[in-house]
Amino acid sequence: MTLERIYARIPSAHCKGLCWEGCSYVPVFSGEPILAHTEPGHLAANPLKPGTVVMHDPGKDSCPHLVDRRCSRYEARPLVCRMYGASIGLACEHGCTPSRWLGYQEGARLIEQAGKAAA
């Protein structure tokens, strides 16, 4: 399965734009599109999950794509950002809700499939 097909399976969340404080050390699979827009100096190996990297701008202590509290690369955002607010395991603390919730098992399956597709 391709990353695009996996992304399409994630319900859209009705975002209030209040979660930007969590946009730091963003985990990304090695084949995700966001990496084409990310400078190498903003990437580091993810010690918690081999095969992934984290995006971080040390000068800002946030994701390098966070501009004025919004994602400047929204259409290319990584899986974790797409799942935030749409998955029960990544529910938004500000009350944003999806069109339907991804359950724990479905979310885990999408993460597994994305890891394989990005390899």
Protein backbone atom coordinates (compact mmCIF):
# COMPACT_ATOMS: atom_id res chain seq x y z
CA MET A 1 0.00 0.00 0.00
CA THR A 2 1.31 3.49 -0.82
CA LEU A 3 1.67 6.31 1.69
CA GLU A 4 -0.94 8.30 -0.22
CA ARG A 5 -3.49 5.50 0.21
CA ILE A 6 -2.63 5.21 3.90
CA TYR A 7 -2.98 8.98 4.36
CA ALA A 8 -6.37 8.85 2.61
CA ARG A 9 -7.64 6.36 5.22
CA ILE A 10 -7.13 8.84 8.05
CA PRO A 11 -10.28 10.78 8.93
CA SER A 12 -9.96 14.55 8.84
CA ALA A 13 -10.06 16.28 12.20
CA HIS A 14 -11.78 19.61 12.57
CA CYS A 15 -8.74 21.47 13.85
CA LYS A 16 -9.01 24.60 15.99
CA GLY A 17 -5.34 25.41 15.43
CA LEU A 18 -4.45 25.26 19.12
CA CYS A 19 -2.09 22.27 19.21
CA TRP A 20 1.03 23.94 17.79
CA GLU A 21 2.90 23.64 21.12
CA GLY A 22 3.21 19.90 20.49
CA CYS A 23 5.02 20.43 17.18
CA SER A 24 8.52 19.56 18.31
CA TYR A 25 10.64 16.46 17.69
CA VAL A 26 8.14 15.21 15.12
CA PRO A 27 8.77 11.54 14.16
CA VAL A 28 8.85 10.87 10.43
CA PHE A 29 9.28 7.66 8.43
CA SER A 30 12.28 7.81 6.10
CA GLY A 31 10.19 7.85 2.90
CA GLU A 32 7.57 10.45 3.81
CA PRO A 33 7.10 13.42 1.44
CA ILE A 34 7.79 16.04 4.13
CA LEU A 35 11.47 15.09 4.03
CA ALA A 36 11.84 16.62 0.56
CA HIS A 37 10.98 19.97 2.17
CA THR A 38 13.18 19.58 5.26
CA GLU A 39 16.78 20.74 5.54
CA PRO A 40 19.19 18.02 6.75
CA GLY A 41 20.15 20.15 9.75
CA HIS A 42 16.57 19.82 10.99
CA LEU A 43 16.64 16.01 11.03
CA ALA A 44 18.06 13.57 13.53
CA ALA A 45 17.87 9.80 13.96
CA ASN A 46 15.00 8.77 16.19
CA PRO A 47 16.50 6.67 19.00
CA LEU A 48 13.05 5.39 19.99
CA LYS A 49 12.12 3.94 16.59
CA PRO A 50 14.74 2.70 14.13
CA GLY A 51 13.93 3.59 10.52
CA THR A 52 12.51 6.96 11.47
CA VAL A 53 13.91 10.41 12.00
CA VAL A 54 12.69 13.38 13.99
CA MET A 55 12.20 16.88 12.63
CA HIS A 56 13.25 19.68 14.95
CA ASP A 57 14.50 23.24 14.63
CA PRO A 58 16.91 23.72 17.55
CA GLY A 59 16.83 27.49 17.06
CA LYS A 60 13.08 27.58 17.67
CA ASP A 61 12.60 24.40 19.73
CA SER A 62 9.80 23.38 17.35
CA CYS A 63 9.15 21.70 14.03
CA PRO A 64 11.00 23.58 11.27
CA HIS A 65 7.73 23.80 9.30
CA LEU A 66 5.81 25.57 12.06
CA VAL A 67 5.27 29.18 10.95
CA ASP A 68 3.04 31.57 12.90
CA ARG A 69 1.63 28.62 14.87
CA ARG A 70 0.55 26.79 11.69
CA CYS A 71 2.05 24.06 9.52
CA SER A 72 3.62 25.64 6.45
CA ARG A 73 3.78 22.22 4.72
CA TYR A 74 0.32 20.95 5.67
CA GLU A 75 -0.26 18.97 2.45
CA ALA A 76 3.07 17.15 2.94
CA ARG A 77 2.74 16.66 6.72
CA PRO A 78 3.89 13.32 8.13
CA LEU A 79 1.71 10.46 9.31
CA VAL A 80 1.85 11.39 12.99
CA CYS A 81 0.55 14.89 12.23
CA ARG A 82 -2.24 13.46 10.10
CA MET A 83 -3.23 11.03 12.87
CA TYR A 84 -3.15 13.64 15.63
CA GLY A 85 -6.72 14.46 16.58
CA ALA A 86 -8.09 11.61 14.45
CA SER A 87 -6.88 8.65 16.51
CA ILE A 88 -8.09 7.68 19.96
CA GLY A 89 -4.44 7.25 20.94
CA LEU A 90 -3.63 10.77 19.72
CA ALA A 91 -6.77 12.64 20.75
CA CYS A 92 -6.49 16.42 20.73
CA GLU A 93 -6.42 17.97 24.18
CA HIS A 94 -8.22 21.04 22.80
CA GLY A 95 -11.37 19.15 21.85
CA CYS A 96 -10.91 18.89 18.10
CA THR A 97 -12.81 15.87 16.80
CA PRO A 98 -12.58 13.82 13.60
CA SER A 99 -15.34 12.76 11.27
CA ARG A 100 -14.80 9.31 12.83
CA TRP A 101 -12.23 8.04 15.35
CA LEU A 102 -9.40 5.69 14.42
CA GLY A 103 -9.36 2.96 17.05
CA TYR A 104 -6.12 1.75 18.65
CA GLN A 105 -5.81 -1.30 16.42
CA GLU A 106 -6.64 0.56 13.22
CA GLY A 107 -4.15 3.31 14.10
CA ALA A 108 -1.43 0.78 14.89
CA ARG A 109 -2.11 -1.01 11.60
CA LEU A 110 -1.79 2.26 9.65
CA ILE A 111 1.51 3.05 11.38
CA GLU A 112 2.82 -0.42 10.54
CA GLN A 113 1.71 -0.12 6.92
CA ALA A 114 3.24 3.35 6.62
CA GLY A 115 6.55 2.07 7.95
CA LYS A 116 6.60 -0.63 5.30
CA ALA A 117 5.49 1.73 2.52
CA ALA A 118 8.11 4.34 3.46
CA ALA A 119 10.99 1.85 3.60
